[in-house]
Amino acid sequence: MNTKNLVLMALLVSVGAALYVVIPGFSGGMKPDFMLTMMFIGILLFPNVKSVFLLAVTTGVLSGLFSTFPGGFLPNIIDKFITAFVFLALVLIMKKFVAKLPVAIFLCGLGTVLSGSIFLSAAIFVIGAEIPFGALFLTVVLPAIVLNAVAFAIIYPIVIKLVKRSKFETAVTRTV
């Protein structure tokens, strides 16, 4: 893992953190997680265990620190860690198709469903909160799927163009 790749991953996480902080919370303090979107972009660019581990831990801790959900620190870390490695597995399984934007957007939406489900489940289990899972899933996770997919559809092609113009060694530049 070289320094340039670490810098690019740090930039992705920091942009995600900035978007996460700016977006207001709703429905009990929950908010769409744009850090998740940036984590997915990072995993698509660097689909290896070391990079995914770094992205998962960094994104999980920052999401937890900035979380407006009561007791959301630990559920965020659990959520990001599991989601990152499941997403990596999906990317590796669908290696030939993941370069196509519609497939990548679909995976982002699927990853958001998984992330939201894990977060809510972890919050209910770890905190012992009496949260109506179904209601929060409908009011927070479903809108987050749409927002993350739209953000991904806008941001990912821009990142891909920038990476192709630069001298970064990513999964995208190796397939070109």
N, C-alpha and C. Protein backbone atom coordinates (compact mmCIF):
# COMPACT_ATOMS: atom_id res chain seq x y z
N MET A 1 0.86 -1.17 0.00
CA MET A 1 0.00 0.00 0.00
C MET A 1 0.91 1.23 0.00
N ASN A 2 0.74 2.09 -1.00
CA ASN A 2 1.61 3.24 -1.06
C ASN A 2 0.93 4.51 -0.52
N THR A 3 1.73 5.52 -0.32
CA THR A 3 1.26 6.76 0.29
C THR A 3 0.20 7.45 -0.55
N LYS A 4 0.35 7.42 -1.87
CA LYS A 4 -0.64 8.08 -2.73
C LYS A 4 -2.02 7.46 -2.55
N ASN A 5 -2.08 6.15 -2.43
CA ASN A 5 -3.37 5.48 -2.24
C ASN A 5 -3.96 5.84 -0.87
N LEU A 6 -3.11 5.91 0.14
CA LEU A 6 -3.57 6.31 1.47
C LEU A 6 -4.13 7.73 1.45
N VAL A 7 -3.47 8.61 0.71
CA VAL A 7 -3.93 10.00 0.61
C VAL A 7 -5.29 10.05 -0.09
N LEU A 8 -5.45 9.30 -1.15
CA LEU A 8 -6.73 9.28 -1.86
C LEU A 8 -7.84 8.73 -0.96
N MET A 9 -7.55 7.66 -0.24
CA MET A 9 -8.55 7.12 0.69
C MET A 9 -8.89 8.14 1.78
N ALA A 10 -7.89 8.85 2.28
CA ALA A 10 -8.13 9.87 3.31
C ALA A 10 -8.98 11.01 2.76
N LEU A 11 -8.73 11.38 1.51
CA LEU A 11 -9.54 12.43 0.88
C LEU A 11 -11.00 11.99 0.73
N LEU A 12 -11.20 10.75 0.32
CA LEU A 12 -12.56 10.24 0.19
C LEU A 12 -13.27 10.24 1.54
N VAL A 13 -12.59 9.77 2.57
CA VAL A 13 -13.20 9.72 3.90
C VAL A 13 -13.48 11.13 4.41
N SER A 14 -12.56 12.06 4.15
CA SER A 14 -12.77 13.43 4.64
C SER A 14 -13.92 14.13 3.90
N VAL A 15 -14.07 13.89 2.62
CA VAL A 15 -15.22 14.45 1.89
C VAL A 15 -16.51 13.85 2.43
N GLY A 16 -16.49 12.54 2.67
CA GLY A 16 -17.65 11.89 3.27
C GLY A 16 -17.98 12.45 4.64
N ALA A 17 -16.95 12.72 5.45
CA ALA A 17 -17.17 13.29 6.79
C ALA A 17 -17.76 14.69 6.70
N ALA A 18 -17.25 15.49 5.75
CA ALA A 18 -17.79 16.84 5.58
C ALA A 18 -19.26 16.80 5.18
N LEU A 19 -19.60 15.94 4.24
CA LEU A 19 -21.00 15.80 3.84
C LEU A 19 -21.85 15.28 4.99
N TYR A 20 -21.31 14.35 5.77
CA TYR A 20 -22.03 13.76 6.89
C TYR A 20 -22.36 14.82 7.95
N VAL A 21 -21.41 15.70 8.21
CA VAL A 21 -21.61 16.73 9.22
C VAL A 21 -22.60 17.79 8.75
N VAL A 22 -22.58 18.12 7.47
CA VAL A 22 -23.43 19.17 6.93
C VAL A 22 -24.90 18.75 6.82
N ILE A 23 -25.14 17.49 6.51
CA ILE A 23 -26.52 17.01 6.32
C ILE A 23 -27.21 16.94 7.68
N PRO A 24 -28.39 17.57 7.80
CA PRO A 24 -29.09 17.53 9.10
C PRO A 24 -29.72 16.17 9.37
N GLY A 25 -29.84 15.84 10.65
CA GLY A 25 -30.45 14.59 11.06
C GLY A 25 -31.97 14.70 11.04
N PHE A 26 -32.64 13.55 10.91
CA PHE A 26 -34.09 13.51 10.97
C PHE A 26 -34.50 12.19 11.58
N SER A 27 -35.73 12.06 11.98
CA SER A 27 -36.30 10.83 12.54
C SER A 27 -35.44 10.26 13.67
N GLY A 28 -35.40 10.99 14.77
CA GLY A 28 -34.67 10.50 15.93
C GLY A 28 -33.17 10.72 15.84
N GLY A 29 -32.72 11.66 15.03
CA GLY A 29 -31.30 11.97 14.93
C GLY A 29 -30.56 11.19 13.86
N MET A 30 -31.25 10.31 13.14
CA MET A 30 -30.56 9.55 12.09
C MET A 30 -30.46 10.41 10.84
N LYS A 31 -29.46 10.11 10.03
CA LYS A 31 -29.23 10.88 8.80
C LYS A 31 -28.65 9.98 7.73
N PRO A 32 -28.82 10.37 6.47
CA PRO A 32 -28.17 9.61 5.40
C PRO A 32 -26.66 9.65 5.61
N ASP A 33 -26.00 8.55 5.33
CA ASP A 33 -24.58 8.42 5.63
C ASP A 33 -23.74 8.51 4.36
N PHE A 34 -23.31 9.73 4.05
CA PHE A 34 -22.50 9.91 2.86
C PHE A 34 -21.08 9.40 3.06
N MET A 35 -20.68 9.18 4.31
CA MET A 35 -19.38 8.54 4.55
C MET A 35 -19.42 7.11 3.99
N LEU A 36 -20.58 6.51 4.07
CA LEU A 36 -20.77 5.16 3.54
C LEU A 36 -20.56 5.17 2.02
N THR A 37 -21.11 6.16 1.36
CA THR A 37 -20.96 6.29 -0.09
C THR A 37 -19.48 6.41 -0.47
N MET A 38 -18.76 7.23 0.28
CA MET A 38 -17.34 7.42 -0.01
C MET A 38 -16.54 6.16 0.32
N MET A 39 -16.97 5.43 1.34
CA MET A 39 -16.31 4.16 1.67
C MET A 39 -16.51 3.19 0.50
N PHE A 40 -17.71 3.16 -0.07
CA PHE A 40 -17.96 2.28 -1.21
C PHE A 40 -17.07 2.65 -2.40
N ILE A 41 -16.91 3.93 -2.65
CA ILE A 41 -16.04 4.37 -3.74
C ILE A 41 -14.60 3.93 -3.46
N GLY A 42 -14.16 4.10 -2.22
CA GLY A 42 -12.82 3.66 -1.85
C GLY A 42 -12.62 2.16 -2.04
N ILE A 43 -13.63 1.38 -1.69
CA ILE A 43 -13.53 -0.08 -1.86
C ILE A 43 -13.50 -0.44 -3.34
N LEU A 44 -14.27 0.25 -4.16
CA LEU A 44 -14.25 -0.02 -5.60
C LEU A 44 -12.89 0.33 -6.21
N LEU A 45 -12.25 1.38 -5.68
CA LEU A 45 -10.94 1.77 -6.19
C LEU A 45 -9.83 0.86 -5.67
N PHE A 46 -9.94 0.44 -4.42
CA PHE A 46 -8.90 -0.37 -3.78
C PHE A 46 -9.51 -1.63 -3.17
N PRO A 47 -9.87 -2.61 -4.01
CA PRO A 47 -10.54 -3.81 -3.49
C PRO A 47 -9.56 -4.85 -2.92
N ASN A 48 -8.93 -4.47 -1.81
CA ASN A 48 -8.05 -5.42 -1.12
C ASN A 48 -8.31 -5.31 0.38
N VAL A 49 -7.95 -6.33 1.11
CA VAL A 49 -8.30 -6.44 2.53
C VAL A 49 -7.68 -5.31 3.35
N LYS A 50 -6.42 -4.96 3.12
CA LYS A 50 -5.77 -3.90 3.90
C LYS A 50 -6.50 -2.56 3.73
N SER A 51 -6.78 -2.21 2.50
CA SER A 51 -7.45 -0.94 2.23
C SER A 51 -8.85 -0.92 2.81
N VAL A 52 -9.57 -2.02 2.65
CA VAL A 52 -10.94 -2.10 3.15
C VAL A 52 -10.94 -2.02 4.68
N PHE A 53 -9.97 -2.67 5.31
CA PHE A 53 -9.87 -2.59 6.77
C PHE A 53 -9.67 -1.14 7.22
N LEU A 54 -8.74 -0.44 6.58
CA LEU A 54 -8.49 0.97 6.92
C LEU A 54 -9.72 1.84 6.68
N LEU A 55 -10.36 1.65 5.53
CA LEU A 55 -11.56 2.42 5.23
C LEU A 55 -12.67 2.13 6.23
N ALA A 56 -12.86 0.87 6.58
CA ALA A 56 -13.93 0.49 7.50
C ALA A 56 -13.72 1.08 8.89
N VAL A 57 -12.51 0.93 9.41
CA VAL A 57 -12.23 1.44 10.75
C VAL A 57 -12.33 2.98 10.79
N THR A 58 -11.72 3.63 9.82
CA THR A 58 -11.73 5.10 9.79
C THR A 58 -13.16 5.62 9.62
N THR A 59 -13.87 5.07 8.68
CA THR A 59 -15.24 5.51 8.43
C THR A 59 -16.13 5.22 9.63
N GLY A 60 -15.97 4.05 10.23
CA GLY A 60 -16.77 3.68 11.39
C GLY A 60 -16.54 4.60 12.58
N VAL A 61 -15.28 4.88 12.87
CA VAL A 61 -14.96 5.75 14.01
C VAL A 61 -15.47 7.17 13.76
N LEU A 62 -15.21 7.70 12.57
CA LEU A 62 -15.67 9.07 12.28
C LEU A 62 -17.19 9.16 12.26
N SER A 63 -17.84 8.18 11.67
CA SER A 63 -19.31 8.17 11.68
C SER A 63 -19.83 8.11 13.11
N GLY A 64 -19.18 7.29 13.93
CA GLY A 64 -19.58 7.18 15.33
C GLY A 64 -19.38 8.48 16.09
N LEU A 65 -18.27 9.15 15.84
CA LEU A 65 -18.00 10.42 16.52
C LEU A 65 -18.98 11.51 16.13
N PHE A 66 -19.37 11.52 14.86
CA PHE A 66 -20.27 12.56 14.36
C PHE A 66 -21.74 12.17 14.44
N SER A 67 -22.02 10.98 14.91
CA SER A 67 -23.39 10.48 14.92
C SER A 67 -24.31 11.33 15.80
N THR A 68 -25.48 11.65 15.28
CA THR A 68 -26.48 12.37 16.06
C THR A 68 -27.49 11.41 16.68
N PHE A 69 -27.32 10.13 16.38
CA PHE A 69 -28.19 9.10 16.95
C PHE A 69 -27.71 8.79 18.36
N PRO A 70 -28.61 8.78 19.35
CA PRO A 70 -28.18 8.52 20.73
C PRO A 70 -27.49 7.16 20.86
N GLY A 71 -26.26 7.16 21.35
CA GLY A 71 -25.50 5.92 21.51
C GLY A 71 -25.06 5.32 20.20
N GLY A 72 -24.88 6.14 19.18
CA GLY A 72 -24.58 5.64 17.84
C GLY A 72 -23.14 5.31 17.56
N PHE A 73 -22.23 5.51 18.53
CA PHE A 73 -20.81 5.28 18.26
C PHE A 73 -20.52 3.81 17.95
N LEU A 74 -20.81 2.93 18.85
CA LEU A 74 -20.51 1.51 18.66
C LEU A 74 -21.30 0.89 17.51
N PRO A 75 -22.61 1.17 17.39
CA PRO A 75 -23.33 0.63 16.21
C PRO A 75 -22.73 1.08 14.87
N ASN A 76 -22.20 2.30 14.81
CA ASN A 76 -21.56 2.76 13.57
C ASN A 76 -20.31 1.96 13.25
N ILE A 77 -19.51 1.68 14.26
CA ILE A 77 -18.28 0.91 14.02
C ILE A 77 -18.62 -0.51 13.57
N ILE A 78 -19.56 -1.14 14.26
CA ILE A 78 -20.00 -2.49 13.89
C ILE A 78 -20.54 -2.51 12.46
N ASP A 79 -21.39 -1.55 12.18
CA ASP A 79 -22.04 -1.45 10.87
C ASP A 79 -21.02 -1.28 9.74
N LYS A 80 -20.11 -0.34 9.88
CA LYS A 80 -19.15 -0.06 8.80
C LYS A 80 -18.21 -1.24 8.57
N PHE A 81 -17.80 -1.88 9.66
CA PHE A 81 -16.86 -2.99 9.53
C PHE A 81 -17.50 -4.15 8.77
N ILE A 82 -18.68 -4.55 9.18
CA ILE A 82 -19.35 -5.67 8.51
C ILE A 82 -19.71 -5.30 7.08
N THR A 83 -20.29 -4.12 6.90
CA THR A 83 -20.72 -3.68 5.57
C THR A 83 -19.54 -3.61 4.60
N ALA A 84 -18.40 -3.09 5.07
CA ALA A 84 -17.24 -2.94 4.19
C ALA A 84 -16.77 -4.29 3.65
N PHE A 85 -16.71 -5.29 4.51
CA PHE A 85 -16.20 -6.59 4.05
C PHE A 85 -17.23 -7.36 3.22
N VAL A 86 -18.51 -7.19 3.51
CA VAL A 86 -19.53 -7.80 2.66
C VAL A 86 -19.51 -7.13 1.28
N PHE A 87 -19.37 -5.79 1.27
CA PHE A 87 -19.30 -5.06 0.01
C PHE A 87 -18.07 -5.50 -0.78
N LEU A 88 -16.93 -5.68 -0.10
CA LEU A 88 -15.72 -6.16 -0.78
C LEU A 88 -15.97 -7.53 -1.40
N ALA A 89 -16.63 -8.42 -0.67
CA ALA A 89 -16.93 -9.75 -1.20
C ALA A 89 -17.80 -9.64 -2.45
N LEU A 90 -18.79 -8.77 -2.42
CA LEU A 90 -19.64 -8.59 -3.60
C LEU A 90 -18.86 -8.03 -4.78
N VAL A 91 -17.96 -7.08 -4.50
CA VAL A 91 -17.14 -6.50 -5.56
C VAL A 91 -16.24 -7.57 -6.18
N LEU A 92 -15.65 -8.40 -5.35
CA LEU A 92 -14.76 -9.45 -5.87
C LEU A 92 -15.54 -10.51 -6.64
N ILE A 93 -16.75 -10.83 -6.18
CA ILE A 93 -17.58 -11.81 -6.88
C ILE A 93 -18.02 -11.27 -8.24
N MET A 94 -18.37 -9.99 -8.28
CA MET A 94 -18.88 -9.38 -9.51
C MET A 94 -17.80 -8.57 -10.23
N LYS A 95 -16.57 -9.01 -10.12
CA LYS A 95 -15.41 -8.28 -10.64
C LYS A 95 -15.57 -7.80 -12.08
N LYS A 96 -16.11 -8.64 -12.95
CA LYS A 96 -16.24 -8.30 -14.37
C LYS A 96 -17.30 -7.24 -14.63
N PHE A 97 -18.31 -7.17 -13.76
CA PHE A 97 -19.45 -6.28 -14.01
C PHE A 97 -19.39 -4.97 -13.23
N VAL A 98 -18.58 -4.94 -12.19
CA VAL A 98 -18.58 -3.80 -11.27
C VAL A 98 -18.05 -2.52 -11.92
N ALA A 99 -17.36 -2.63 -13.04
CA ALA A 99 -16.85 -1.44 -13.73
C ALA A 99 -17.97 -0.64 -14.39
N LYS A 100 -19.12 -1.25 -14.57
CA LYS A 100 -20.27 -0.56 -15.18
C LYS A 100 -20.99 0.24 -14.11
N LEU A 101 -21.29 1.49 -14.42
CA LEU A 101 -21.90 2.40 -13.45
C LEU A 101 -23.22 1.89 -12.88
N PRO A 102 -24.15 1.38 -13.68
CA PRO A 102 -25.41 0.89 -13.09
C PRO A 102 -25.19 -0.24 -12.06
N VAL A 103 -24.24 -1.11 -12.32
CA VAL A 103 -23.95 -2.20 -11.38
C VAL A 103 -23.36 -1.61 -10.09
N ALA A 104 -22.45 -0.65 -10.23
CA ALA A 104 -21.85 -0.02 -9.05
C ALA A 104 -22.91 0.73 -8.23
N ILE A 105 -23.85 1.39 -8.91
CA ILE A 105 -24.92 2.09 -8.20
C ILE A 105 -25.81 1.09 -7.47
N PHE A 106 -26.13 -0.02 -8.12
CA PHE A 106 -26.92 -1.07 -7.48
C PHE A 106 -26.21 -1.60 -6.24
N LEU A 107 -24.90 -1.85 -6.35
CA LEU A 107 -24.14 -2.32 -5.19
C LEU A 107 -24.12 -1.30 -4.07
N CYS A 108 -24.06 -0.02 -4.43
CA CYS A 108 -24.11 1.04 -3.42
C CYS A 108 -25.45 1.01 -2.69
N GLY A 109 -26.53 0.86 -3.43
CA GLY A 109 -27.86 0.77 -2.81
C GLY A 109 -27.98 -0.46 -1.93
N LEU A 110 -27.48 -1.58 -2.42
CA LEU A 110 -27.50 -2.82 -1.65
C LEU A 110 -26.66 -2.68 -0.38
N GLY A 111 -25.51 -2.06 -0.51
CA GLY A 111 -24.65 -1.83 0.65
C GLY A 111 -25.32 -0.91 1.67
N THR A 112 -26.08 0.07 1.20
CA THR A 112 -26.79 0.98 2.10
C THR A 112 -27.89 0.24 2.85
N VAL A 113 -28.60 -0.66 2.17
CA VAL A 113 -29.62 -1.48 2.84
C VAL A 113 -28.97 -2.30 3.95
N LEU A 114 -27.87 -2.95 3.60
CA LEU A 114 -27.14 -3.77 4.57
C LEU A 114 -26.66 -2.92 5.74
N SER A 115 -26.06 -1.79 5.43
CA SER A 115 -25.53 -0.91 6.47
C SER A 115 -26.63 -0.42 7.41
N GLY A 116 -27.73 0.03 6.84
CA GLY A 116 -28.84 0.52 7.66
C GLY A 116 -29.42 -0.58 8.54
N SER A 117 -29.55 -1.77 7.98
CA SER A 117 -30.08 -2.90 8.75
C SER A 117 -29.15 -3.28 9.89
N ILE A 118 -27.85 -3.32 9.61
CA ILE A 118 -26.87 -3.66 10.65
C ILE A 118 -26.84 -2.58 11.71
N PHE A 119 -26.86 -1.30 11.28
CA PHE A 119 -26.83 -0.22 12.26
C PHE A 119 -28.03 -0.27 13.19
N LEU A 120 -29.22 -0.40 12.62
CA LEU A 120 -30.42 -0.44 13.46
C LEU A 120 -30.42 -1.66 14.38
N SER A 121 -30.02 -2.80 13.85
CA SER A 121 -29.96 -4.02 14.66
C SER A 121 -28.94 -3.88 15.79
N ALA A 122 -27.77 -3.33 15.47
CA ALA A 122 -26.74 -3.13 16.49
C ALA A 122 -27.19 -2.12 17.54
N ALA A 123 -27.88 -1.06 17.10
CA ALA A 123 -28.38 -0.06 18.05
C ALA A 123 -29.41 -0.69 19.00
N ILE A 124 -30.28 -1.50 18.45
CA ILE A 124 -31.29 -2.15 19.29
C ILE A 124 -30.63 -3.14 20.25
N PHE A 125 -29.67 -3.92 19.76
CA PHE A 125 -29.03 -4.95 20.57
C PHE A 125 -28.04 -4.36 21.59
N VAL A 126 -27.13 -3.51 21.14
CA VAL A 126 -26.07 -2.99 22.00
C VAL A 126 -26.60 -2.00 23.02
N ILE A 127 -27.41 -1.08 22.57
CA ILE A 127 -27.90 -0.03 23.46
C ILE A 127 -29.10 -0.52 24.25
N GLY A 128 -29.77 -1.51 23.73
CA GLY A 128 -30.99 -1.98 24.37
C GLY A 128 -32.13 -1.02 24.14
N ALA A 129 -32.02 -0.27 23.06
CA ALA A 129 -33.04 0.73 22.76
C ALA A 129 -34.32 0.06 22.28
N GLU A 130 -35.40 0.65 22.65
CA GLU A 130 -36.70 0.15 22.19
C GLU A 130 -37.10 0.95 20.96
N ILE A 131 -36.47 0.61 19.87
CA ILE A 131 -36.66 1.33 18.62
C ILE A 131 -37.53 0.46 17.71
N PRO A 132 -38.55 1.03 17.11
CA PRO A 132 -39.32 0.26 16.12
C PRO A 132 -38.50 0.12 14.83
N PHE A 133 -37.90 -1.05 14.64
CA PHE A 133 -37.01 -1.30 13.50
C PHE A 133 -37.68 -0.95 12.17
N GLY A 134 -38.89 -1.45 11.97
CA GLY A 134 -39.59 -1.24 10.70
C GLY A 134 -39.84 0.22 10.39
N ALA A 135 -40.26 0.97 11.40
CA ALA A 135 -40.55 2.39 11.18
C ALA A 135 -39.27 3.15 10.82
N LEU A 136 -38.19 2.89 11.55
CA LEU A 136 -36.93 3.57 11.23
C LEU A 136 -36.37 3.12 9.89
N PHE A 137 -36.56 1.85 9.55
CA PHE A 137 -36.09 1.37 8.26
C PHE A 137 -36.81 2.11 7.13
N LEU A 138 -38.12 2.26 7.28
CA LEU A 138 -38.90 2.95 6.24
C LEU A 138 -38.61 4.44 6.17
N THR A 139 -38.43 5.08 7.33
CA THR A 139 -38.28 6.54 7.34
C THR A 139 -36.85 7.02 7.18
N VAL A 140 -35.87 6.15 7.47
CA VAL A 140 -34.48 6.60 7.40
C VAL A 140 -33.67 5.81 6.36
N VAL A 141 -33.74 4.49 6.42
CA VAL A 141 -32.90 3.68 5.54
C VAL A 141 -33.34 3.78 4.08
N LEU A 142 -34.63 3.69 3.82
CA LEU A 142 -35.09 3.79 2.42
C LEU A 142 -34.74 5.13 1.77
N PRO A 143 -34.98 6.28 2.47
CA PRO A 143 -34.52 7.54 1.86
C PRO A 143 -33.00 7.60 1.72
N ALA A 144 -32.28 6.98 2.66
CA ALA A 144 -30.82 6.97 2.57
C ALA A 144 -30.35 6.19 1.36
N ILE A 145 -31.06 5.13 1.00
CA ILE A 145 -30.71 4.35 -0.19
C ILE A 145 -30.77 5.25 -1.42
N VAL A 146 -31.84 5.99 -1.54
CA VAL A 146 -32.02 6.88 -2.69
C VAL A 146 -30.95 7.98 -2.69
N LEU A 147 -30.75 8.63 -1.53
CA LEU A 147 -29.76 9.71 -1.46
C LEU A 147 -28.35 9.20 -1.72
N ASN A 148 -27.99 8.06 -1.15
CA ASN A 148 -26.65 7.51 -1.38
C ASN A 148 -26.46 7.09 -2.83
N ALA A 149 -27.49 6.51 -3.43
CA ALA A 149 -27.38 6.09 -4.84
C ALA A 149 -27.22 7.30 -5.76
N VAL A 150 -27.98 8.35 -5.50
CA VAL A 150 -27.86 9.57 -6.31
C VAL A 150 -26.49 10.21 -6.11
N ALA A 151 -26.06 10.32 -4.87
CA ALA A 151 -24.73 10.89 -4.59
C ALA A 151 -23.64 10.06 -5.25
N PHE A 152 -23.75 8.75 -5.15
CA PHE A 152 -22.79 7.84 -5.77
C PHE A 152 -22.77 8.03 -7.29
N ALA A 153 -23.95 8.11 -7.89
CA ALA A 153 -24.06 8.27 -9.34
C ALA A 153 -23.42 9.57 -9.83
N ILE A 154 -23.41 10.59 -8.98
CA ILE A 154 -22.80 11.87 -9.33
C ILE A 154 -21.30 11.86 -9.05
N ILE A 155 -20.92 11.39 -7.86
CA ILE A 155 -19.54 11.50 -7.41
C ILE A 155 -18.62 10.45 -8.05
N TYR A 156 -19.08 9.22 -8.18
CA TYR A 156 -18.22 8.14 -8.66
C TYR A 156 -17.63 8.41 -10.05
N PRO A 157 -18.43 8.82 -11.04
CA PRO A 157 -17.82 9.11 -12.36
C PRO A 157 -16.78 10.23 -12.31
N ILE A 158 -17.00 11.21 -11.44
CA ILE A 158 -16.02 12.30 -11.30
C ILE A 158 -14.71 11.76 -10.74
N VAL A 159 -14.83 10.95 -9.69
CA VAL A 159 -13.63 10.36 -9.08
C VAL A 159 -12.90 9.47 -10.08
N ILE A 160 -13.65 8.69 -10.84
CA ILE A 160 -13.04 7.81 -11.84
C ILE A 160 -12.26 8.61 -12.88
N LYS A 161 -12.85 9.69 -13.37
CA LYS A 161 -12.15 10.53 -14.36
C LYS A 161 -10.87 11.11 -13.77
N LEU A 162 -10.95 11.59 -12.53
CA LEU A 162 -9.76 12.17 -11.89
C LEU A 162 -8.68 11.11 -11.66
N VAL A 163 -9.09 9.93 -11.26
CA VAL A 163 -8.12 8.86 -11.00
C VAL A 163 -7.46 8.41 -12.30
N LYS A 164 -8.22 8.34 -13.38
CA LYS A 164 -7.65 7.93 -14.67
C LYS A 164 -6.65 8.96 -15.18
N ARG A 165 -6.87 10.23 -14.89
CA ARG A 165 -5.95 11.28 -15.33
C ARG A 165 -4.68 11.33 -14.48
N SER A 166 -4.78 10.85 -13.28
CA SER A 166 -3.64 10.90 -12.37
C SER A 166 -2.80 9.64 -12.52
N LYS A 167 -1.82 9.51 -11.66
CA LYS A 167 -0.96 8.34 -11.70
C LYS A 167 -1.27 7.38 -10.55
N PHE A 168 -2.52 7.42 -10.08
CA PHE A 168 -2.92 6.50 -9.02
C PHE A 168 -3.06 5.11 -9.57
N GLU A 169 -2.62 4.13 -8.79
CA GLU A 169 -2.79 2.73 -9.17
C GLU A 169 -3.99 2.19 -8.43
N THR A 170 -5.13 2.08 -9.15
CA THR A 170 -6.37 1.60 -8.55
C THR A 170 -6.92 0.46 -9.40
N ALA A 171 -7.98 -0.15 -8.91
CA ALA A 171 -8.64 -1.21 -9.68
C ALA A 171 -9.17 -0.65 -11.00
N VAL A 172 -9.56 0.61 -11.01
CA VAL A 172 -10.10 1.25 -12.21
C VAL A 172 -9.00 1.46 -13.26
N THR A 173 -7.84 1.92 -12.84
CA THR A 173 -6.77 2.18 -13.80
C THR A 173 -6.13 0.91 -14.30
N ARG A 174 -6.23 -0.19 -13.56
CA ARG A 174 -5.68 -1.48 -14.01
C ARG A 174 -6.55 -2.12 -15.07
N THR A 175 -7.86 -1.79 -15.09
CA THR A 175 -8.76 -2.40 -16.07
C THR A 175 -8.79 -1.64 -17.38
N VAL A 176 -8.19 -0.47 -17.42
CA VAL A 176 -8.21 0.35 -18.63
C VAL A 176 -7.22 -0.13 -19.62
